[in-house]
mmCIF file of all heavy atoms, coordinates in Angstrom:
data_MODEL
# 
_entry.id   MODEL 
# 
loop_
_atom_site.group_PDB 
_atom_site.id 
_atom_site.type_symbol 
_atom_site.label_atom_id 
_atom_site.label_alt_id 
_atom_site.label_comp_id 
_atom_site.label_asym_id 
_atom_site.label_entity_id 
_atom_site.label_seq_id 
_atom_site.pdbx_PDB_ins_code 
_atom_site.Cartn_x 
_atom_site.Cartn_y 
_atom_site.Cartn_z 
_atom_site.occupancy 
_atom_site.B_iso_or_equiv 
_atom_site.pdbx_formal_charge 
_atom_site.auth_seq_id 
_atom_site.auth_comp_id 
_atom_site.auth_asym_id 
_atom_site.auth_atom_id 
_atom_site.pdbx_PDB_model_num 
ATOM 1   N N   . GLN A 1 1  ? -53.598 52.270 61.707 1.00 0.00 ? 1  GLN A N   1 
ATOM 2   C CA  . GLN A 1 1  ? -53.446 53.685 61.983 1.00 0.00 ? 1  GLN A CA  1 
ATOM 3   C C   . GLN A 1 1  ? -53.185 53.999 63.439 1.00 0.00 ? 1  GLN A C   1 
ATOM 4   O O   . GLN A 1 1  ? -52.851 55.146 63.762 1.00 0.00 ? 1  GLN A O   1 
ATOM 5   C CB  . GLN A 1 1  ? -54.675 54.435 61.472 1.00 0.00 ? 1  GLN A CB  1 
ATOM 6   C CG  . GLN A 1 1  ? -54.886 54.355 59.985 1.00 0.00 ? 1  GLN A CG  1 
ATOM 7   C CD  . GLN A 1 1  ? -56.228 54.898 59.549 1.00 0.00 ? 1  GLN A CD  1 
ATOM 8   O OE1 . GLN A 1 1  ? -57.269 54.474 60.013 1.00 0.00 ? 1  GLN A OE1 1 
ATOM 9   N NE2 . GLN A 1 1  ? -56.195 55.879 58.647 1.00 0.00 ? 1  GLN A NE2 1 
ATOM 10  N N   . ASP A 1 2  ? -53.359 53.023 64.324 1.00 0.00 ? 2  ASP A N   1 
ATOM 11  C CA  . ASP A 1 2  ? -53.184 53.320 65.753 1.00 0.00 ? 2  ASP A CA  1 
ATOM 12  C C   . ASP A 1 2  ? -51.726 53.392 66.180 1.00 0.00 ? 2  ASP A C   1 
ATOM 13  O O   . ASP A 1 2  ? -51.437 53.786 67.292 1.00 0.00 ? 2  ASP A O   1 
ATOM 14  C CB  . ASP A 1 2  ? -53.948 52.316 66.611 1.00 0.00 ? 2  ASP A CB  1 
ATOM 15  C CG  . ASP A 1 2  ? -53.534 50.865 66.354 1.00 0.00 ? 2  ASP A CG  1 
ATOM 16  O OD1 . ASP A 1 2  ? -52.732 50.667 65.426 1.00 0.00 ? 2  ASP A OD1 1 
ATOM 17  O OD2 . ASP A 1 2  ? -54.044 49.987 67.047 1.00 0.00 ? 2  ASP A OD2 1 
ATOM 18  N N   . ASP A 1 3  ? -50.823 52.989 65.276 1.00 0.00 ? 3  ASP A N   1 
ATOM 19  C CA  . ASP A 1 3  ? -49.388 53.133 65.532 1.00 0.00 ? 3  ASP A CA  1 
ATOM 20  C C   . ASP A 1 3  ? -48.779 53.807 64.311 1.00 0.00 ? 3  ASP A C   1 
ATOM 21  O O   . ASP A 1 3  ? -48.329 53.132 63.362 1.00 0.00 ? 3  ASP A O   1 
ATOM 22  C CB  . ASP A 1 3  ? -48.755 51.755 65.778 1.00 0.00 ? 3  ASP A CB  1 
ATOM 23  C CG  . ASP A 1 3  ? -47.299 51.878 66.248 1.00 0.00 ? 3  ASP A CG  1 
ATOM 24  O OD1 . ASP A 1 3  ? -46.627 52.862 65.882 1.00 0.00 ? 3  ASP A OD1 1 
ATOM 25  O OD2 . ASP A 1 3  ? -46.850 50.985 66.996 1.00 0.00 ? 3  ASP A OD2 1 
ATOM 26  N N   . PRO A 1 4  ? -48.737 55.113 64.279 1.00 0.00 ? 4  PRO A N   1 
ATOM 27  C CA  . PRO A 1 4  ? -48.278 55.830 63.084 1.00 0.00 ? 4  PRO A CA  1 
ATOM 28  C C   . PRO A 1 4  ? -46.867 55.472 62.650 1.00 0.00 ? 4  PRO A C   1 
ATOM 29  O O   . PRO A 1 4  ? -46.583 55.441 61.454 1.00 0.00 ? 4  PRO A O   1 
ATOM 30  C CB  . PRO A 1 4  ? -48.373 57.310 63.507 1.00 0.00 ? 4  PRO A CB  1 
ATOM 31  C CG  . PRO A 1 4  ? -49.410 57.344 64.587 1.00 0.00 ? 4  PRO A CG  1 
ATOM 32  C CD  . PRO A 1 4  ? -49.242 56.049 65.311 1.00 0.00 ? 4  PRO A CD  1 
ATOM 33  N N   . GLU A 1 5  ? -45.972 55.179 63.605 1.00 0.00 ? 5  GLU A N   1 
ATOM 34  C CA  . GLU A 1 5  ? -44.599 54.844 63.244 1.00 0.00 ? 5  GLU A CA  1 
ATOM 35  C C   . GLU A 1 5  ? -44.546 53.505 62.512 1.00 0.00 ? 5  GLU A C   1 
ATOM 36  O O   . GLU A 1 5  ? -43.817 53.365 61.517 1.00 0.00 ? 5  GLU A O   1 
ATOM 37  C CB  . GLU A 1 5  ? -43.707 54.809 64.482 1.00 0.00 ? 5  GLU A CB  1 
ATOM 38  C CG  . GLU A 1 5  ? -43.456 56.201 65.085 1.00 0.00 ? 5  GLU A CG  1 
ATOM 39  C CD  . GLU A 1 5  ? -42.396 56.134 66.169 1.00 0.00 ? 5  GLU A CD  1 
ATOM 40  O OE1 . GLU A 1 5  ? -41.892 55.040 66.472 1.00 0.00 ? 5  GLU A OE1 1 
ATOM 41  O OE2 . GLU A 1 5  ? -42.068 57.199 66.719 1.00 0.00 ? 5  GLU A OE2 1 
ATOM 42  N N   . LEU A 1 6  ? -45.290 52.520 62.983 1.00 0.00 ? 6  LEU A N   1 
ATOM 43  C CA  . LEU A 1 6  ? -45.322 51.233 62.326 1.00 0.00 ? 6  LEU A CA  1 
ATOM 44  C C   . LEU A 1 6  ? -46.009 51.362 60.951 1.00 0.00 ? 6  LEU A C   1 
ATOM 45  O O   . LEU A 1 6  ? -45.551 50.758 59.976 1.00 0.00 ? 6  LEU A O   1 
ATOM 46  C CB  . LEU A 1 6  ? -46.038 50.190 63.187 1.00 0.00 ? 6  LEU A CB  1 
ATOM 47  C CG  . LEU A 1 6  ? -46.133 48.779 62.608 1.00 0.00 ? 6  LEU A CG  1 
ATOM 48  C CD1 . LEU A 1 6  ? -44.743 48.193 62.361 1.00 0.00 ? 6  LEU A CD1 1 
ATOM 49  C CD2 . LEU A 1 6  ? -46.952 47.900 63.553 1.00 0.00 ? 6  LEU A CD2 1 
ATOM 50  N N   . HIS A 1 7  ? -47.079 52.118 60.894 1.00 0.00 ? 7  HIS A N   1 
ATOM 51  C CA  . HIS A 1 7  ? -47.771 52.392 59.662 1.00 0.00 ? 7  HIS A CA  1 
ATOM 52  C C   . HIS A 1 7  ? -46.809 52.911 58.598 1.00 0.00 ? 7  HIS A C   1 
ATOM 53  O O   . HIS A 1 7  ? -46.736 52.387 57.479 1.00 0.00 ? 7  HIS A O   1 
ATOM 54  C CB  . HIS A 1 7  ? -48.882 53.420 59.951 1.00 0.00 ? 7  HIS A CB  1 
ATOM 55  C CG  . HIS A 1 7  ? -49.614 53.951 58.759 1.00 0.00 ? 7  HIS A CG  1 
ATOM 56  N ND1 . HIS A 1 7  ? -50.856 53.491 58.371 1.00 0.00 ? 7  HIS A ND1 1 
ATOM 57  C CD2 . HIS A 1 7  ? -49.304 54.938 57.869 1.00 0.00 ? 7  HIS A CD2 1 
ATOM 58  C CE1 . HIS A 1 7  ? -51.255 54.151 57.298 1.00 0.00 ? 7  HIS A CE1 1 
ATOM 59  N NE2 . HIS A 1 7  ? -50.332 55.042 56.979 1.00 0.00 ? 7  HIS A NE2 1 
ATOM 60  N N   . LEU A 1 8  ? -46.036 53.936 58.977 1.00 0.00 ? 8  LEU A N   1 
ATOM 61  C CA  . LEU A 1 8  ? -45.142 54.548 58.014 1.00 0.00 ? 8  LEU A CA  1 
ATOM 62  C C   . LEU A 1 8  ? -43.979 53.614 57.661 1.00 0.00 ? 8  LEU A C   1 
ATOM 63  O O   . LEU A 1 8  ? -43.543 53.555 56.503 1.00 0.00 ? 8  LEU A O   1 
ATOM 64  C CB  . LEU A 1 8  ? -44.605 55.855 58.581 1.00 0.00 ? 8  LEU A CB  1 
ATOM 65  C CG  . LEU A 1 8  ? -43.695 56.671 57.679 1.00 0.00 ? 8  LEU A CG  1 
ATOM 66  C CD1 . LEU A 1 8  ? -44.411 57.054 56.389 1.00 0.00 ? 8  LEU A CD1 1 
ATOM 67  C CD2 . LEU A 1 8  ? -43.245 57.952 58.408 1.00 0.00 ? 8  LEU A CD2 1 
ATOM 68  N N   . ALA A 1 9  ? -43.460 52.874 58.655 1.00 0.00 ? 9  ALA A N   1 
ATOM 69  C CA  . ALA A 1 9  ? -42.336 51.973 58.390 1.00 0.00 ? 9  ALA A CA  1 
ATOM 70  C C   . ALA A 1 9  ? -42.735 50.886 57.398 1.00 0.00 ? 9  ALA A C   1 
ATOM 71  O O   . ALA A 1 9  ? -41.943 50.523 56.531 1.00 0.00 ? 9  ALA A O   1 
ATOM 72  C CB  . ALA A 1 9  ? -41.867 51.354 59.707 1.00 0.00 ? 9  ALA A CB  1 
ATOM 73  N N   . GLN A 1 10 ? -43.947 50.362 57.516 1.00 0.00 ? 10 GLN A N   1 
ATOM 74  C CA  . GLN A 1 10 ? -44.422 49.340 56.593 1.00 0.00 ? 10 GLN A CA  1 
ATOM 75  C C   . GLN A 1 10 ? -44.488 49.903 55.159 1.00 0.00 ? 10 GLN A C   1 
ATOM 76  O O   . GLN A 1 10 ? -44.048 49.264 54.191 1.00 0.00 ? 10 GLN A O   1 
ATOM 77  C CB  . GLN A 1 10 ? -45.814 48.839 57.001 1.00 0.00 ? 10 GLN A CB  1 
ATOM 78  C CG  . GLN A 1 10 ? -45.817 48.011 58.243 1.00 0.00 ? 10 GLN A CG  1 
ATOM 79  C CD  . GLN A 1 10 ? -47.212 47.500 58.602 1.00 0.00 ? 10 GLN A CD  1 
ATOM 80  O OE1 . GLN A 1 10 ? -47.348 46.554 59.339 1.00 0.00 ? 10 GLN A OE1 1 
ATOM 81  N NE2 . GLN A 1 10 ? -48.240 48.118 58.065 1.00 0.00 ? 10 GLN A NE2 1 
ATOM 82  N N   . ILE A 1 11 ? -45.056 51.080 55.031 1.00 0.00 ? 11 ILE A N   1 
ATOM 83  C CA  . ILE A 1 11 ? -45.228 51.696 53.711 1.00 0.00 ? 11 ILE A CA  1 
ATOM 84  C C   . ILE A 1 11 ? -43.871 52.024 53.094 1.00 0.00 ? 11 ILE A C   1 
ATOM 85  O O   . ILE A 1 11 ? -43.646 51.775 51.890 1.00 0.00 ? 11 ILE A O   1 
ATOM 86  C CB  . ILE A 1 11 ? -46.111 52.950 53.840 1.00 0.00 ? 11 ILE A CB  1 
ATOM 87  C CG1 . ILE A 1 11 ? -47.578 52.504 54.087 1.00 0.00 ? 11 ILE A CG1 1 
ATOM 88  C CG2 . ILE A 1 11 ? -46.025 53.842 52.610 1.00 0.00 ? 11 ILE A CG2 1 
ATOM 89  C CD1 . ILE A 1 11 ? -48.544 53.630 54.383 1.00 0.00 ? 11 ILE A CD1 1 
ATOM 90  N N   . GLN A 1 12 ? -42.965 52.575 53.876 1.00 0.00 ? 12 GLN A N   1 
ATOM 91  C CA  . GLN A 1 12 ? -41.653 52.910 53.321 1.00 0.00 ? 12 GLN A CA  1 
ATOM 92  C C   . GLN A 1 12 ? -40.883 51.660 52.902 1.00 0.00 ? 12 GLN A C   1 
ATOM 93  O O   . GLN A 1 12 ? -40.201 51.690 51.862 1.00 0.00 ? 12 GLN A O   1 
ATOM 94  C CB  . GLN A 1 12 ? -40.870 53.742 54.325 1.00 0.00 ? 12 GLN A CB  1 
ATOM 95  C CG  . GLN A 1 12 ? -41.424 55.135 54.520 1.00 0.00 ? 12 GLN A CG  1 
ATOM 96  C CD  . GLN A 1 12 ? -40.587 55.980 55.453 1.00 0.00 ? 12 GLN A CD  1 
ATOM 97  O OE1 . GLN A 1 12 ? -39.894 55.476 56.329 1.00 0.00 ? 12 GLN A OE1 1 
ATOM 98  N NE2 . GLN A 1 12 ? -40.631 57.292 55.267 1.00 0.00 ? 12 GLN A NE2 1 
ATOM 99  N N   . ALA A 1 13 ? -40.982 50.589 53.665 1.00 0.00 ? 13 ALA A N   1 
ATOM 100 C CA  . ALA A 1 13 ? -40.314 49.353 53.278 1.00 0.00 ? 13 ALA A CA  1 
ATOM 101 C C   . ALA A 1 13 ? -40.859 48.837 51.949 1.00 0.00 ? 13 ALA A C   1 
ATOM 102 O O   . ALA A 1 13 ? -40.067 48.404 51.078 1.00 0.00 ? 13 ALA A O   1 
ATOM 103 C CB  . ALA A 1 13 ? -40.497 48.288 54.385 1.00 0.00 ? 13 ALA A CB  1 
ATOM 104 N N   . TYR A 1 14 ? -42.187 48.888 51.783 1.00 0.00 ? 14 TYR A N   1 
ATOM 105 C CA  . TYR A 1 14 ? -42.761 48.459 50.508 1.00 0.00 ? 14 TYR A CA  1 
ATOM 106 C C   . TYR A 1 14 ? -42.272 49.338 49.371 1.00 0.00 ? 14 TYR A C   1 
ATOM 107 O O   . TYR A 1 14 ? -41.890 48.856 48.314 1.00 0.00 ? 14 TYR A O   1 
ATOM 108 C CB  . TYR A 1 14 ? -44.287 48.471 50.587 1.00 0.00 ? 14 TYR A CB  1 
ATOM 109 C CG  . TYR A 1 14 ? -44.892 48.263 49.223 1.00 0.00 ? 14 TYR A CG  1 
ATOM 110 C CD1 . TYR A 1 14 ? -45.008 46.978 48.672 1.00 0.00 ? 14 TYR A CD1 1 
ATOM 111 C CD2 . TYR A 1 14 ? -45.285 49.348 48.435 1.00 0.00 ? 14 TYR A CD2 1 
ATOM 112 C CE1 . TYR A 1 14 ? -45.516 46.803 47.380 1.00 0.00 ? 14 TYR A CE1 1 
ATOM 113 C CE2 . TYR A 1 14 ? -45.809 49.185 47.182 1.00 0.00 ? 14 TYR A CE2 1 
ATOM 114 C CZ  . TYR A 1 14 ? -45.906 47.906 46.655 1.00 0.00 ? 14 TYR A CZ  1 
ATOM 115 O OH  . TYR A 1 14 ? -46.400 47.728 45.374 1.00 0.00 ? 14 TYR A OH  1 
ATOM 116 N N   . ASN A 1 15 ? -42.333 50.646 49.556 1.00 0.00 ? 15 ASN A N   1 
ATOM 117 C CA  . ASN A 1 15 ? -41.907 51.561 48.494 1.00 0.00 ? 15 ASN A CA  1 
ATOM 118 C C   . ASN A 1 15 ? -40.453 51.341 48.098 1.00 0.00 ? 15 ASN A C   1 
ATOM 119 O O   . ASN A 1 15 ? -40.097 51.436 46.922 1.00 0.00 ? 15 ASN A O   1 
ATOM 120 C CB  . ASN A 1 15 ? -42.162 53.018 48.906 1.00 0.00 ? 15 ASN A CB  1 
ATOM 121 C CG  . ASN A 1 15 ? -43.648 53.340 49.006 1.00 0.00 ? 15 ASN A CG  1 
ATOM 122 O OD1 . ASN A 1 15 ? -44.490 52.647 48.437 1.00 0.00 ? 15 ASN A OD1 1 
ATOM 123 N ND2 . ASN A 1 15 ? -43.977 54.411 49.724 1.00 0.00 ? 15 ASN A ND2 1 
ATOM 124 N N   . ASN A 1 16 ? -39.606 51.090 49.100 1.00 0.00 ? 16 ASN A N   1 
ATOM 125 C CA  . ASN A 1 16 ? -38.196 50.836 48.793 1.00 0.00 ? 16 ASN A CA  1 
ATOM 126 C C   . ASN A 1 16 ? -38.020 49.560 48.006 1.00 0.00 ? 16 ASN A C   1 
ATOM 127 O O   . ASN A 1 16 ? -37.236 49.505 47.047 1.00 0.00 ? 16 ASN A O   1 
ATOM 128 C CB  . ASN A 1 16 ? -37.408 50.747 50.116 1.00 0.00 ? 16 ASN A CB  1 
ATOM 129 C CG  . ASN A 1 16 ? -37.304 52.079 50.823 1.00 0.00 ? 16 ASN A CG  1 
ATOM 130 O OD1 . ASN A 1 16 ? -37.550 53.150 50.238 1.00 0.00 ? 16 ASN A OD1 1 
ATOM 131 N ND2 . ASN A 1 16 ? -36.941 52.056 52.100 1.00 0.00 ? 16 ASN A ND2 1 
ATOM 132 N N   . TRP A 1 17 ? -38.770 48.508 48.399 1.00 0.00 ? 17 TRP A N   1 
ATOM 133 C CA  . TRP A 1 17 ? -38.659 47.259 47.623 1.00 0.00 ? 17 TRP A CA  1 
ATOM 134 C C   . TRP A 1 17 ? -39.161 47.448 46.194 1.00 0.00 ? 17 TRP A C   1 
ATOM 135 O O   . TRP A 1 17 ? -38.554 46.953 45.242 1.00 0.00 ? 17 TRP A O   1 
ATOM 136 C CB  . TRP A 1 17 ? -39.470 46.149 48.312 1.00 0.00 ? 17 TRP A CB  1 
ATOM 137 C CG  . TRP A 1 17 ? -39.468 44.909 47.482 1.00 0.00 ? 17 TRP A CG  1 
ATOM 138 C CD1 . TRP A 1 17 ? -38.504 43.947 47.407 1.00 0.00 ? 17 TRP A CD1 1 
ATOM 139 C CD2 . TRP A 1 17 ? -40.506 44.513 46.530 1.00 0.00 ? 17 TRP A CD2 1 
ATOM 140 N NE1 . TRP A 1 17 ? -38.857 42.970 46.507 1.00 0.00 ? 17 TRP A NE1 1 
ATOM 141 C CE2 . TRP A 1 17 ? -40.085 43.305 45.950 1.00 0.00 ? 17 TRP A CE2 1 
ATOM 142 C CE3 . TRP A 1 17 ? -41.720 45.070 46.152 1.00 0.00 ? 17 TRP A CE3 1 
ATOM 143 C CZ2 . TRP A 1 17 ? -40.836 42.637 44.988 1.00 0.00 ? 17 TRP A CZ2 1 
ATOM 144 C CZ3 . TRP A 1 17 ? -42.469 44.402 45.200 1.00 0.00 ? 17 TRP A CZ3 1 
ATOM 145 C CH2 . TRP A 1 17 ? -42.034 43.186 44.628 1.00 0.00 ? 17 TRP A CH2 1 
ATOM 146 N N   . LEU A 1 18 ? -40.250 48.172 46.026 1.00 0.00 ? 18 LEU A N   1 
ATOM 147 C CA  . LEU A 1 18 ? -40.797 48.398 44.691 1.00 0.00 ? 18 LEU A CA  1 
ATOM 148 C C   . LEU A 1 18 ? -39.794 49.123 43.815 1.00 0.00 ? 18 LEU A C   1 
ATOM 149 O O   . LEU A 1 18 ? -39.655 48.810 42.613 1.00 0.00 ? 18 LEU A O   1 
ATOM 150 C CB  . LEU A 1 18 ? -42.086 49.195 44.790 1.00 0.00 ? 18 LEU A CB  1 
ATOM 151 C CG  . LEU A 1 18 ? -42.835 49.457 43.490 1.00 0.00 ? 18 LEU A CG  1 
ATOM 152 C CD1 . LEU A 1 18 ? -43.275 48.168 42.809 1.00 0.00 ? 18 LEU A CD1 1 
ATOM 153 C CD2 . LEU A 1 18 ? -44.045 50.379 43.727 1.00 0.00 ? 18 LEU A CD2 1 
ATOM 154 N N   . SER A 1 19 ? -39.104 50.089 44.383 1.00 0.00 ? 19 SER A N   1 
ATOM 155 C CA  . SER A 1 19 ? -38.059 50.788 43.623 1.00 0.00 ? 19 SER A CA  1 
ATOM 156 C C   . SER A 1 19 ? -36.951 49.843 43.189 1.00 0.00 ? 19 SER A C   1 
ATOM 157 O O   . SER A 1 19 ? -36.468 49.893 42.056 1.00 0.00 ? 19 SER A O   1 
ATOM 158 C CB  . SER A 1 19 ? -37.479 51.934 44.453 1.00 0.00 ? 19 SER A CB  1 
ATOM 159 O OG  . SER A 1 19 ? -36.369 52.517 43.827 1.00 0.00 ? 19 SER A OG  1 
ATOM 160 N N   . GLU A 1 20 ? -36.553 48.956 44.103 1.00 0.00 ? 20 GLU A N   1 
ATOM 161 C CA  . GLU A 1 20 ? -35.544 47.943 43.755 1.00 0.00 ? 20 GLU A CA  1 
ATOM 162 C C   . GLU A 1 20 ? -36.011 47.079 42.585 1.00 0.00 ? 20 GLU A C   1 
ATOM 163 O O   . GLU A 1 20 ? -35.244 46.764 41.663 1.00 0.00 ? 20 GLU A O   1 
ATOM 164 C CB  . GLU A 1 20 ? -35.240 47.074 44.953 1.00 0.00 ? 20 GLU A CB  1 
ATOM 165 C CG  . GLU A 1 20 ? -34.618 47.814 46.119 1.00 0.00 ? 20 GLU A CG  1 
ATOM 166 C CD  . GLU A 1 20 ? -34.615 46.976 47.397 1.00 0.00 ? 20 GLU A CD  1 
ATOM 167 O OE1 . GLU A 1 20 ? -34.731 45.722 47.282 1.00 0.00 ? 20 GLU A OE1 1 
ATOM 168 O OE2 . GLU A 1 20 ? -34.525 47.536 48.512 1.00 0.00 ? 20 GLU A OE2 1 
ATOM 169 N N   . PHE A 1 21 ? -37.249 46.676 42.627 1.00 0.00 ? 21 PHE A N   1 
ATOM 170 C CA  . PHE A 1 21 ? -37.832 45.831 41.565 1.00 0.00 ? 21 PHE A CA  1 
ATOM 171 C C   . PHE A 1 21 ? -37.784 46.569 40.223 1.00 0.00 ? 21 PHE A C   1 
ATOM 172 O O   . PHE A 1 21 ? -37.308 46.056 39.210 1.00 0.00 ? 21 PHE A O   1 
ATOM 173 C CB  . PHE A 1 21 ? -39.274 45.471 41.936 1.00 0.00 ? 21 PHE A CB  1 
ATOM 174 C CG  . PHE A 1 21 ? -39.950 44.518 40.990 1.00 0.00 ? 21 PHE A CG  1 
ATOM 175 C CD1 . PHE A 1 21 ? -40.000 43.171 41.317 1.00 0.00 ? 21 PHE A CD1 1 
ATOM 176 C CD2 . PHE A 1 21 ? -40.535 44.939 39.818 1.00 0.00 ? 21 PHE A CD2 1 
ATOM 177 C CE1 . PHE A 1 21 ? -40.629 42.265 40.464 1.00 0.00 ? 21 PHE A CE1 1 
ATOM 178 C CE2 . PHE A 1 21 ? -41.166 44.057 38.958 1.00 0.00 ? 21 PHE A CE2 1 
ATOM 179 C CZ  . PHE A 1 21 ? -41.207 42.722 39.273 1.00 0.00 ? 21 PHE A CZ  1 
ATOM 180 N N   . CYS A 1 22 ? -38.273 47.808 40.228 1.00 0.00 ? 22 CYS A N   1 
ATOM 181 C CA  . CYS A 1 22 ? -38.342 48.599 38.973 1.00 0.00 ? 22 CYS A CA  1 
ATOM 182 C C   . CYS A 1 22 ? -36.950 48.939 38.444 1.00 0.00 ? 22 CYS A C   1 
ATOM 183 O O   . CYS A 1 22 ? -36.763 49.102 37.221 1.00 0.00 ? 22 CYS A O   1 
ATOM 184 C CB  . CYS A 1 22 ? -39.132 49.871 39.192 1.00 0.00 ? 22 CYS A CB  1 
ATOM 185 S SG  . CYS A 1 22 ? -40.874 49.596 39.556 1.00 0.00 ? 22 CYS A SG  1 
ATOM 186 N N   . SER A 1 23 ? -35.977 49.042 39.319 1.00 0.00 ? 23 SER A N   1 
ATOM 187 C CA  . SER A 1 23 ? -34.644 49.443 38.904 1.00 0.00 ? 23 SER A CA  1 
ATOM 188 C C   . SER A 1 23 ? -33.973 48.404 37.999 1.00 0.00 ? 23 SER A C   1 
ATOM 189 O O   . SER A 1 23 ? -32.986 48.709 37.344 1.00 0.00 ? 23 SER A O   1 
ATOM 190 C CB  . SER A 1 23 ? -33.750 49.649 40.163 1.00 0.00 ? 23 SER A CB  1 
ATOM 191 O OG  . SER A 1 23 ? -34.207 50.777 40.875 1.00 0.00 ? 23 SER A OG  1 
ATOM 192 N N   . HIS A 1 24 ? -34.543 47.200 37.926 1.00 0.00 ? 24 HIS A N   1 
ATOM 193 C CA  . HIS A 1 24 ? -34.000 46.186 37.037 1.00 0.00 ? 24 HIS A CA  1 
ATOM 194 C C   . HIS A 1 24 ? -34.073 46.654 35.589 1.00 0.00 ? 24 HIS A C   1 
ATOM 195 O O   . HIS A 1 24 ? -33.206 46.310 34.781 1.00 0.00 ? 24 HIS A O   1 
ATOM 196 C CB  . HIS A 1 24 ? -34.768 44.878 37.225 1.00 0.00 ? 24 HIS A CB  1 
ATOM 197 C CG  . HIS A 1 24 ? -34.210 43.750 36.423 1.00 0.00 ? 24 HIS A CG  1 
ATOM 198 N ND1 . HIS A 1 24 ? -33.116 43.029 36.852 1.00 0.00 ? 24 HIS A ND1 1 
ATOM 199 C CD2 . HIS A 1 24 ? -34.577 43.229 35.221 1.00 0.00 ? 24 HIS A CD2 1 
ATOM 200 C CE1 . HIS A 1 24 ? -32.841 42.094 35.956 1.00 0.00 ? 24 HIS A CE1 1 
ATOM 201 N NE2 . HIS A 1 24 ? -33.700 42.195 34.952 1.00 0.00 ? 24 HIS A NE2 1 
ATOM 202 N N   . ASP A 1 25 ? -35.112 47.442 35.234 1.00 0.00 ? 25 ASP A N   1 
ATOM 203 C CA  . ASP A 1 25 ? -35.225 48.009 33.888 1.00 0.00 ? 25 ASP A CA  1 
ATOM 204 C C   . ASP A 1 25 ? -36.146 49.220 33.978 1.00 0.00 ? 25 ASP A C   1 
ATOM 205 O O   . ASP A 1 25 ? -37.365 49.126 33.916 1.00 0.00 ? 25 ASP A O   1 
ATOM 206 C CB  . ASP A 1 25 ? -35.805 47.007 32.899 1.00 0.00 ? 25 ASP A CB  1 
ATOM 207 C CG  . ASP A 1 25 ? -35.678 47.474 31.447 1.00 0.00 ? 25 ASP A CG  1 
ATOM 208 O OD1 . ASP A 1 25 ? -35.658 48.692 31.234 1.00 0.00 ? 25 ASP A OD1 1 
ATOM 209 O OD2 . ASP A 1 25 ? -35.625 46.628 30.553 1.00 0.00 ? 25 ASP A OD2 1 
ATOM 210 N N   . LEU A 1 26 ? -35.520 50.391 34.090 1.00 0.00 ? 26 LEU A N   1 
ATOM 211 C CA  . LEU A 1 26 ? -36.287 51.628 34.295 1.00 0.00 ? 26 LEU A CA  1 
ATOM 212 C C   . LEU A 1 26 ? -37.057 52.056 33.081 1.00 0.00 ? 26 LEU A C   1 
ATOM 213 O O   . LEU A 1 26 ? -37.964 52.894 33.189 1.00 0.00 ? 26 LEU A O   1 
ATOM 214 C CB  . LEU A 1 26 ? -35.334 52.761 34.739 1.00 0.00 ? 26 LEU A CB  1 
ATOM 215 C CG  . LEU A 1 26 ? -34.654 52.520 36.109 1.00 0.00 ? 26 LEU A CG  1 
ATOM 216 C CD1 . LEU A 1 26 ? -33.640 53.639 36.355 1.00 0.00 ? 26 LEU A CD1 1 
ATOM 217 C CD2 . LEU A 1 26 ? -35.672 52.482 37.211 1.00 0.00 ? 26 LEU A CD2 1 
# 
């Protein structure tokens, strides 16, 4: 939490990857 930009970038990268994974069969 001491670097909000890195915090958010990590979370958004994970969420984007998860969407890619689920997109294989929605």
